[in-house]
Amino acid sequence: MIEQDTLKTNGVRTSVEVRLPWYRALPASCISEFGLSVDGVAASLESLRWTMNGKTYASDELAGDSSEWWFPTDSVVVEGDIPITAGDEEHTVDVDLSLYIPYIVSDHGVLRIEEHSSKTMKAVSA
């Protein structure tokens, strides 16, 4: 899920690129929840942003958008307020993602998957 060597920071905001952990494209409205943490420090929900196809969303804005799609070949940018420094220090990056798969429905409702990815990498200046 996390693209290696995509960790960026300006000292206050930190971002990483993420790939879709599913084999088919999904509309933005299927992104249920997402989270970002670096070295065990989680970005606050209010500071989280999701950038896809050139549009940036707050976490609560994705549910209403079915016009934008996330394709398996495209990366999105997940960012939030996590103060780190760029340089030679390795950082542990964690991304959590919950997605609805709208075309798989059971007696319990639409399938919801929860994914977690963790990578270690250096940050570069944004």
N, C-alpha and C. Protein backbone atom coordinates (compact mmCIF):
# COMPACT_ATOMS: atom_id res chain seq x y z
N MET A 1 0.82 -1.18 0.00
CA MET A 1 0.00 0.00 0.00
C MET A 1 0.87 1.26 0.00
N ILE A 2 1.78 1.40 0.99
CA ILE A 2 2.64 2.59 1.03
C ILE A 2 3.72 2.45 -0.04
N GLU A 3 3.89 3.51 -0.82
CA GLU A 3 4.94 3.54 -1.84
C GLU A 3 6.27 3.85 -1.14
N GLN A 4 7.26 3.01 -1.37
CA GLN A 4 8.57 3.19 -0.76
C GLN A 4 9.20 4.50 -1.21
N ASP A 5 9.87 5.18 -0.29
CA ASP A 5 10.62 6.41 -0.56
C ASP A 5 9.75 7.57 -1.04
N THR A 6 8.53 7.69 -0.49
CA THR A 6 7.66 8.81 -0.84
C THR A 6 7.35 9.70 0.36
N LEU A 7 8.05 9.49 1.47
CA LEU A 7 7.81 10.28 2.67
C LEU A 7 8.38 11.69 2.48
N LYS A 8 7.49 12.70 2.65
CA LYS A 8 7.90 14.10 2.51
C LYS A 8 7.42 14.89 3.71
N THR A 9 8.19 15.94 4.05
CA THR A 9 7.81 16.79 5.17
C THR A 9 8.29 18.21 4.94
N ASN A 10 7.55 19.15 5.53
CA ASN A 10 8.03 20.53 5.57
C ASN A 10 8.36 20.92 7.00
N GLY A 11 8.43 19.91 7.87
CA GLY A 11 8.73 20.12 9.29
C GLY A 11 7.47 20.16 10.14
N VAL A 12 6.33 20.42 9.52
CA VAL A 12 5.05 20.47 10.23
C VAL A 12 4.08 19.44 9.64
N ARG A 13 3.92 19.49 8.32
CA ARG A 13 3.04 18.54 7.63
C ARG A 13 3.89 17.46 6.98
N THR A 14 3.37 16.24 7.03
CA THR A 14 4.07 15.09 6.49
C THR A 14 3.14 14.33 5.56
N SER A 15 3.68 13.82 4.46
CA SER A 15 2.86 13.09 3.49
C SER A 15 3.56 11.83 3.01
N VAL A 16 2.75 10.92 2.47
CA VAL A 16 3.25 9.69 1.88
C VAL A 16 2.29 9.29 0.76
N GLU A 17 2.81 8.58 -0.24
CA GLU A 17 1.97 8.12 -1.34
C GLU A 17 1.51 6.69 -1.06
N VAL A 18 0.26 6.42 -1.44
CA VAL A 18 -0.38 5.14 -1.15
C VAL A 18 -1.02 4.59 -2.41
N ARG A 19 -0.91 3.28 -2.60
CA ARG A 19 -1.55 2.60 -3.73
C ARG A 19 -2.76 1.82 -3.24
N LEU A 20 -3.73 1.67 -4.10
CA LEU A 20 -4.97 0.96 -3.80
C LEU A 20 -4.70 -0.52 -3.52
N PRO A 21 -5.15 -1.03 -2.37
CA PRO A 21 -4.93 -2.45 -2.05
C PRO A 21 -6.08 -3.33 -2.57
N TRP A 22 -6.53 -3.05 -3.76
CA TRP A 22 -7.63 -3.80 -4.36
C TRP A 22 -7.36 -3.87 -5.85
N TYR A 23 -7.94 -4.82 -6.53
CA TYR A 23 -7.61 -5.04 -7.94
C TYR A 23 -8.48 -4.27 -8.92
N ARG A 24 -9.52 -3.61 -8.43
CA ARG A 24 -10.39 -2.82 -9.30
C ARG A 24 -10.52 -1.40 -8.76
N ALA A 25 -10.79 -0.47 -9.67
CA ALA A 25 -10.95 0.94 -9.28
C ALA A 25 -12.16 1.10 -8.36
N LEU A 26 -12.06 2.09 -7.47
CA LEU A 26 -13.14 2.41 -6.54
C LEU A 26 -13.39 3.91 -6.55
N PRO A 27 -14.66 4.32 -6.42
CA PRO A 27 -14.95 5.76 -6.32
C PRO A 27 -14.51 6.29 -4.95
N ALA A 28 -14.29 7.59 -4.88
CA ALA A 28 -13.88 8.23 -3.62
C ALA A 28 -14.85 7.92 -2.49
N SER A 29 -16.12 7.78 -2.82
CA SER A 29 -17.14 7.52 -1.79
C SER A 29 -16.94 6.19 -1.08
N CYS A 30 -16.11 5.30 -1.62
CA CYS A 30 -15.86 4.00 -0.99
C CYS A 30 -14.74 4.05 0.04
N ILE A 31 -14.06 5.19 0.15
CA ILE A 31 -13.00 5.33 1.15
C ILE A 31 -13.66 5.71 2.46
N SER A 32 -13.72 4.75 3.35
CA SER A 32 -14.44 4.92 4.61
C SER A 32 -13.64 5.70 5.64
N GLU A 33 -12.41 5.27 5.87
CA GLU A 33 -11.54 5.91 6.86
C GLU A 33 -10.09 5.75 6.43
N PHE A 34 -9.25 6.68 6.87
CA PHE A 34 -7.82 6.54 6.65
C PHE A 34 -7.07 7.23 7.78
N GLY A 35 -5.86 6.75 8.03
CA GLY A 35 -5.04 7.34 9.08
C GLY A 35 -3.58 7.27 8.71
N LEU A 36 -2.80 8.17 9.27
CA LEU A 36 -1.36 8.25 9.02
C LEU A 36 -0.65 8.46 10.34
N SER A 37 0.40 7.69 10.56
CA SER A 37 1.26 7.95 11.72
C SER A 37 2.71 7.74 11.31
N VAL A 38 3.59 8.48 11.96
CA VAL A 38 5.02 8.38 11.71
C VAL A 38 5.70 8.26 13.07
N ASP A 39 6.51 7.22 13.21
CA ASP A 39 7.22 6.95 14.45
C ASP A 39 6.26 6.89 15.65
N GLY A 40 5.08 6.35 15.42
CA GLY A 40 4.10 6.18 16.49
C GLY A 40 3.26 7.40 16.79
N VAL A 41 3.50 8.52 16.10
CA VAL A 41 2.72 9.74 16.30
C VAL A 41 1.67 9.84 15.20
N ALA A 42 0.41 9.82 15.58
CA ALA A 42 -0.68 9.84 14.61
C ALA A 42 -1.08 11.27 14.27
N ALA A 43 -1.39 11.49 13.00
CA ALA A 43 -1.93 12.78 12.57
C ALA A 43 -3.35 12.90 13.11
N SER A 44 -3.71 14.08 13.57
CA SER A 44 -5.07 14.28 14.06
C SER A 44 -6.06 14.16 12.91
N LEU A 45 -7.26 13.73 13.22
CA LEU A 45 -8.31 13.57 12.21
C LEU A 45 -8.56 14.88 11.47
N GLU A 46 -8.52 15.99 12.20
CA GLU A 46 -8.78 17.31 11.61
C GLU A 46 -7.71 17.71 10.60
N SER A 47 -6.48 17.21 10.77
CA SER A 47 -5.39 17.61 9.88
C SER A 47 -5.22 16.68 8.68
N LEU A 48 -5.85 15.51 8.69
CA LEU A 48 -5.68 14.55 7.61
C LEU A 48 -6.26 15.06 6.30
N ARG A 49 -5.52 14.83 5.22
CA ARG A 49 -5.97 15.19 3.88
C ARG A 49 -5.64 14.04 2.94
N TRP A 50 -6.47 13.90 1.92
CA TRP A 50 -6.37 12.86 0.91
C TRP A 50 -6.37 13.55 -0.45
N THR A 51 -5.31 13.39 -1.23
CA THR A 51 -5.25 14.02 -2.55
C THR A 51 -5.26 12.94 -3.62
N MET A 52 -6.27 13.04 -4.49
CA MET A 52 -6.47 12.05 -5.54
C MET A 52 -6.91 12.78 -6.80
N ASN A 53 -6.26 12.47 -7.91
CA ASN A 53 -6.61 13.08 -9.20
C ASN A 53 -6.57 14.61 -9.14
N GLY A 54 -5.64 15.15 -8.35
CA GLY A 54 -5.49 16.60 -8.26
C GLY A 54 -6.46 17.30 -7.32
N LYS A 55 -7.34 16.54 -6.65
CA LYS A 55 -8.29 17.12 -5.70
C LYS A 55 -7.92 16.70 -4.29
N THR A 56 -8.02 17.64 -3.36
CA THR A 56 -7.69 17.36 -1.97
C THR A 56 -8.97 17.36 -1.14
N TYR A 57 -9.09 16.35 -0.28
CA TYR A 57 -10.28 16.14 0.55
C TYR A 57 -9.89 16.05 2.02
N ALA A 58 -10.75 16.57 2.88
CA ALA A 58 -10.69 16.25 4.30
C ALA A 58 -11.32 14.87 4.45
N SER A 59 -11.07 14.20 5.55
CA SER A 59 -11.54 12.82 5.70
C SER A 59 -13.05 12.68 5.57
N ASP A 60 -13.80 13.68 6.00
CA ASP A 60 -15.26 13.58 5.96
C ASP A 60 -15.86 14.00 4.61
N GLU A 61 -15.02 14.42 3.66
CA GLU A 61 -15.52 14.87 2.36
C GLU A 61 -15.55 13.77 1.31
N LEU A 62 -14.89 12.66 1.56
CA LEU A 62 -14.81 11.59 0.56
C LEU A 62 -16.13 10.87 0.35
N ALA A 63 -16.89 10.68 1.41
CA ALA A 63 -18.12 9.89 1.34
C ALA A 63 -19.11 10.42 0.32
N GLY A 64 -19.13 11.69 0.07
CA GLY A 64 -20.10 12.27 -0.83
C GLY A 64 -19.66 12.36 -2.28
N ASP A 65 -18.45 11.91 -2.62
CA ASP A 65 -17.95 12.10 -3.97
C ASP A 65 -17.87 10.78 -4.73
N SER A 66 -18.76 10.62 -5.68
CA SER A 66 -18.70 9.42 -6.53
C SER A 66 -18.20 9.77 -7.94
N SER A 67 -17.77 11.01 -8.14
CA SER A 67 -17.28 11.42 -9.47
C SER A 67 -15.80 11.13 -9.66
N GLU A 68 -15.04 11.06 -8.58
CA GLU A 68 -13.60 10.77 -8.67
C GLU A 68 -13.35 9.31 -8.34
N TRP A 69 -12.45 8.69 -9.11
CA TRP A 69 -12.14 7.27 -8.92
C TRP A 69 -10.66 7.08 -8.61
N TRP A 70 -10.38 6.08 -7.76
CA TRP A 70 -9.02 5.69 -7.42
C TRP A 70 -8.73 4.41 -8.19
N PHE A 71 -7.75 4.46 -9.08
CA PHE A 71 -7.39 3.33 -9.92
C PHE A 71 -6.17 2.60 -9.35
N PRO A 72 -6.10 1.29 -9.52
CA PRO A 72 -4.98 0.52 -8.96
C PRO A 72 -3.60 0.98 -9.44
N THR A 73 -3.53 1.63 -10.58
CA THR A 73 -2.24 2.09 -11.10
C THR A 73 -1.86 3.48 -10.60
N ASP A 74 -2.75 4.14 -9.87
CA ASP A 74 -2.51 5.51 -9.40
C ASP A 74 -2.23 5.55 -7.91
N SER A 75 -1.36 6.45 -7.52
CA SER A 75 -1.10 6.70 -6.10
C SER A 75 -1.93 7.89 -5.64
N VAL A 76 -2.31 7.86 -4.38
CA VAL A 76 -2.91 9.02 -3.74
C VAL A 76 -1.91 9.53 -2.70
N VAL A 77 -2.09 10.77 -2.26
CA VAL A 77 -1.23 11.33 -1.22
C VAL A 77 -2.06 11.45 0.06
N VAL A 78 -1.54 10.87 1.12
CA VAL A 78 -2.15 10.99 2.45
C VAL A 78 -1.22 11.88 3.25
N GLU A 79 -1.78 12.93 3.86
CA GLU A 79 -0.93 13.85 4.64
C GLU A 79 -1.64 14.32 5.90
N GLY A 80 -0.83 14.75 6.84
CA GLY A 80 -1.37 15.27 8.09
C GLY A 80 -0.30 16.00 8.87
N ASP A 81 -0.72 16.62 9.97
CA ASP A 81 0.20 17.36 10.83
C ASP A 81 0.98 16.39 11.71
N ILE A 82 2.20 16.09 11.29
CA ILE A 82 3.14 15.28 12.08
C ILE A 82 4.50 15.93 11.90
N PRO A 83 5.03 16.56 12.94
CA PRO A 83 6.32 17.24 12.78
C PRO A 83 7.49 16.25 12.81
N ILE A 84 8.16 16.12 11.67
CA ILE A 84 9.39 15.34 11.58
C ILE A 84 10.39 16.16 10.77
N THR A 85 11.64 15.69 10.74
CA THR A 85 12.65 16.39 9.97
C THR A 85 13.12 15.51 8.81
N ALA A 86 13.47 16.16 7.73
CA ALA A 86 14.05 15.45 6.59
C ALA A 86 15.50 15.16 6.90
N GLY A 87 16.03 14.15 6.27
CA GLY A 87 17.44 13.83 6.46
C GLY A 87 17.69 12.34 6.45
N ASP A 88 18.79 11.94 7.09
CA ASP A 88 19.22 10.55 7.04
C ASP A 88 18.53 9.64 8.05
N GLU A 89 17.74 10.19 8.93
CA GLU A 89 17.07 9.38 9.95
C GLU A 89 15.94 8.56 9.31
N GLU A 90 15.87 7.28 9.68
CA GLU A 90 14.80 6.40 9.21
C GLU A 90 13.55 6.62 10.06
N HIS A 91 12.39 6.64 9.41
CA HIS A 91 11.11 6.81 10.09
C HIS A 91 10.21 5.63 9.77
N THR A 92 9.44 5.21 10.75
CA THR A 92 8.45 4.16 10.53
C THR A 92 7.13 4.82 10.21
N VAL A 93 6.61 4.53 9.02
CA VAL A 93 5.38 5.13 8.52
C VAL A 93 4.28 4.07 8.52
N ASP A 94 3.13 4.42 9.08
CA ASP A 94 1.98 3.51 9.12
C ASP A 94 0.78 4.20 8.49
N VAL A 95 0.08 3.46 7.64
CA VAL A 95 -1.16 3.94 7.04
C VAL A 95 -2.23 2.89 7.28
N ASP A 96 -3.38 3.34 7.77
CA ASP A 96 -4.55 2.49 7.94
C ASP A 96 -5.61 2.97 6.97
N LEU A 97 -6.32 2.02 6.38
CA LEU A 97 -7.29 2.35 5.36
C LEU A 97 -8.47 1.39 5.44
N SER A 98 -9.67 1.93 5.43
CA SER A 98 -10.89 1.13 5.38
C SER A 98 -11.65 1.50 4.12
N LEU A 99 -12.02 0.49 3.35
CA LEU A 99 -12.69 0.68 2.07
C LEU A 99 -13.97 -0.14 2.00
N TYR A 100 -14.97 0.40 1.34
CA TYR A 100 -16.16 -0.37 1.01
C TYR A 100 -15.99 -0.89 -0.42
N ILE A 101 -16.35 -2.14 -0.63
CA ILE A 101 -16.31 -2.74 -1.96
C ILE A 101 -17.76 -2.85 -2.42
N PRO A 102 -18.24 -1.89 -3.21
CA PRO A 102 -19.67 -1.74 -3.46
C PRO A 102 -20.32 -2.87 -4.24
N TYR A 103 -19.56 -3.64 -4.98
CA TYR A 103 -20.14 -4.69 -5.80
C TYR A 103 -20.09 -6.06 -5.13
N ILE A 104 -19.68 -6.10 -3.85
CA ILE A 104 -19.71 -7.36 -3.09
C ILE A 104 -20.64 -7.12 -1.90
N VAL A 105 -21.83 -7.71 -1.98
CA VAL A 105 -22.86 -7.53 -0.97
C VAL A 105 -23.25 -8.90 -0.41
N SER A 106 -23.35 -8.98 0.91
CA SER A 106 -23.78 -10.22 1.56
C SER A 106 -24.98 -9.91 2.45
N ASP A 107 -25.39 -10.89 3.22
CA ASP A 107 -26.48 -10.69 4.17
C ASP A 107 -26.13 -9.64 5.23
N HIS A 108 -24.84 -9.37 5.39
CA HIS A 108 -24.36 -8.41 6.39
C HIS A 108 -24.15 -7.02 5.80
N GLY A 109 -24.41 -6.85 4.52
CA GLY A 109 -24.25 -5.55 3.86
C GLY A 109 -23.08 -5.54 2.91
N VAL A 110 -22.67 -4.35 2.52
CA VAL A 110 -21.56 -4.16 1.59
C VAL A 110 -20.25 -4.54 2.29
N LEU A 111 -19.40 -5.24 1.55
CA LEU A 111 -18.11 -5.66 2.10
C LEU A 111 -17.26 -4.45 2.47
N ARG A 112 -16.71 -4.46 3.68
CA ARG A 112 -15.79 -3.41 4.14
C ARG A 112 -14.49 -4.09 4.49
N ILE A 113 -13.40 -3.63 3.87
CA ILE A 113 -12.09 -4.20 4.17
C ILE A 113 -11.26 -3.17 4.94
N GLU A 114 -10.42 -3.67 5.82
CA GLU A 114 -9.53 -2.82 6.61
C GLU A 114 -8.10 -3.26 6.34
N GLU A 115 -7.29 -2.33 5.90
CA GLU A 115 -5.91 -2.62 5.53
C GLU A 115 -4.95 -1.78 6.38
N HIS A 116 -3.77 -2.34 6.63
CA HIS A 116 -2.72 -1.64 7.35
C HIS A 116 -1.42 -1.87 6.60
N SER A 117 -0.62 -0.83 6.47
CA SER A 117 0.69 -0.94 5.83
C SER A 117 1.70 -0.18 6.66
N SER A 118 2.89 -0.73 6.75
CA SER A 118 3.97 -0.09 7.51
C SER A 118 5.26 -0.20 6.71
N LYS A 119 5.99 0.89 6.62
CA LYS A 119 7.29 0.90 5.92
C LYS A 119 8.25 1.80 6.69
N THR A 120 9.51 1.52 6.52
CA THR A 120 10.57 2.35 7.10
C THR A 120 11.28 3.07 5.96
N MET A 121 11.42 4.38 6.10
CA MET A 121 12.07 5.16 5.05
C MET A 121 12.54 6.51 5.59
N LYS A 122 13.35 7.17 4.81
CA LYS A 122 13.83 8.51 5.13
C LYS A 122 12.87 9.54 4.54
N ALA A 123 12.78 10.68 5.20
CA ALA A 123 11.94 11.77 4.71
C ALA A 123 12.79 12.75 3.91
N VAL A 124 12.16 13.31 2.88
CA VAL A 124 12.79 14.38 2.10
C VAL A 124 11.98 15.64 2.31
N SER A 125 12.57 16.79 2.03
CA SER A 125 11.87 18.06 2.19
C SER A 125 10.80 18.22 1.12
N ALA A 126 9.65 18.69 1.56
CA ALA A 126 8.52 18.91 0.64
C ALA A 126 8.67 20.26 -0.03
